[in-house]
């Protein structure tokens, strides 16, 4: 048990001694894409919450028209 703690401590010390920062950055295109995605999600949620009844009515109308056309073709 003591040997495992010693090894872990030694590995931790070695890791932090040789740690290098990445010096990375997020380019403007990536930032814009992330912001655009977030805005799109919120806009979609807002539209869905405000008009779910209209969306449901639209789907019913579309599917009823398709069913009526299918019945005409079968006859």
Protein backbone atom coordinates (compact mmCIF):
# COMPACT_ATOMS: atom_id res chain seq x y z
CA UNK A 1 0.00 0.00 0.00
CA UNK A 2 2.79 2.41 0.88
CA UNK A 3 4.61 1.49 -2.31
CA UNK A 4 1.57 2.45 -4.43
CA UNK A 5 1.30 5.86 -2.74
CA UNK A 6 5.01 6.47 -3.26
CA UNK A 7 4.75 5.58 -6.94
CA UNK A 8 1.71 7.83 -7.36
CA UNK A 9 3.47 10.73 -5.65
CA UNK A 10 6.58 10.24 -7.77
CA UNK A 11 4.54 10.10 -10.99
CA UNK A 12 2.65 13.25 -9.98
CA UNK A 13 5.87 15.14 -9.33
CA UNK A 14 7.34 14.04 -12.67
CA UNK A 15 4.15 15.01 -14.51
CA UNK A 16 4.05 18.53 -13.06
CA UNK A 17 7.77 19.08 -13.65
CA UNK A 18 7.46 18.37 -17.36
CA UNK A 19 4.08 20.03 -17.87
CA UNK A 20 3.93 22.37 -20.87
CA UNK A 21 1.12 24.73 -21.68
CA UNK A 22 -0.55 24.19 -25.04
CA UNK A 23 -0.69 27.89 -26.02
CA UNK A 24 -3.73 27.07 -28.11
CA UNK A 25 -6.40 29.48 -29.21
CA UNK A 26 -9.89 29.27 -30.61
CA UNK A 27 -9.97 30.88 -34.01
CA UNK A 28 -12.81 33.26 -34.94
CA UNK A 29 -14.48 30.79 -37.30
CA UNK A 30 -14.85 28.21 -34.56
CA UNK A 31 -16.18 30.80 -32.13
CA UNK A 32 -18.71 32.01 -34.69
CA UNK A 33 -19.87 28.45 -35.40
CA UNK A 34 -20.35 27.74 -31.69
CA UNK A 35 -22.30 30.96 -31.13
CA UNK A 36 -24.43 30.33 -34.24
CA UNK A 37 -25.25 26.83 -33.01
CA UNK A 38 -26.29 28.11 -29.58
CA UNK A 39 -28.49 30.79 -31.13
CA UNK A 40 -30.08 28.23 -33.45
CA UNK A 41 -30.94 25.94 -30.55
CA UNK A 42 -32.57 28.76 -28.59
CA UNK A 43 -34.48 29.99 -31.64
CA UNK A 44 -35.77 26.49 -32.34
CA UNK A 45 -36.89 26.04 -28.75
CA UNK A 46 -38.58 29.46 -28.74
CA UNK A 47 -40.46 28.80 -31.96
CA UNK A 48 -41.55 25.35 -30.82
CA UNK A 49 -42.77 26.58 -27.44
CA UNK A 50 -44.70 29.50 -28.91
CA UNK A 51 -46.48 27.63 -31.68
CA UNK A 52 -46.78 23.90 -31.03
CA UNK A 53 -50.49 23.92 -31.79
CA UNK A 54 -49.87 25.49 -35.20
CA UNK A 55 -47.24 22.89 -36.00
CA UNK A 56 -49.56 20.04 -35.00
CA UNK A 57 -52.41 21.49 -37.08
CA UNK A 58 -50.10 21.83 -40.08
CA UNK A 59 -49.03 18.18 -39.84
CA UNK A 60 -52.66 17.06 -39.56
CA UNK A 61 -53.62 19.02 -42.67
CA UNK A 62 -50.68 17.61 -44.63
CA UNK A 63 -51.34 14.01 -43.60
CA UNK A 64 -55.07 14.29 -44.23
CA UNK A 65 -54.39 15.55 -47.76
CA UNK A 66 -52.03 12.62 -48.35
CA UNK A 67 -54.62 10.13 -47.08
CA UNK A 68 -57.32 11.62 -49.29
CA UNK A 69 -55.06 11.42 -52.35
CA UNK A 70 -54.19 7.80 -51.55
CA UNK A 71 -57.89 6.89 -51.27
CA UNK A 72 -58.61 8.48 -54.67
CA UNK A 73 -55.81 6.51 -56.32
CA UNK A 74 -56.97 3.22 -54.82
CA UNK A 75 -60.48 3.65 -56.20
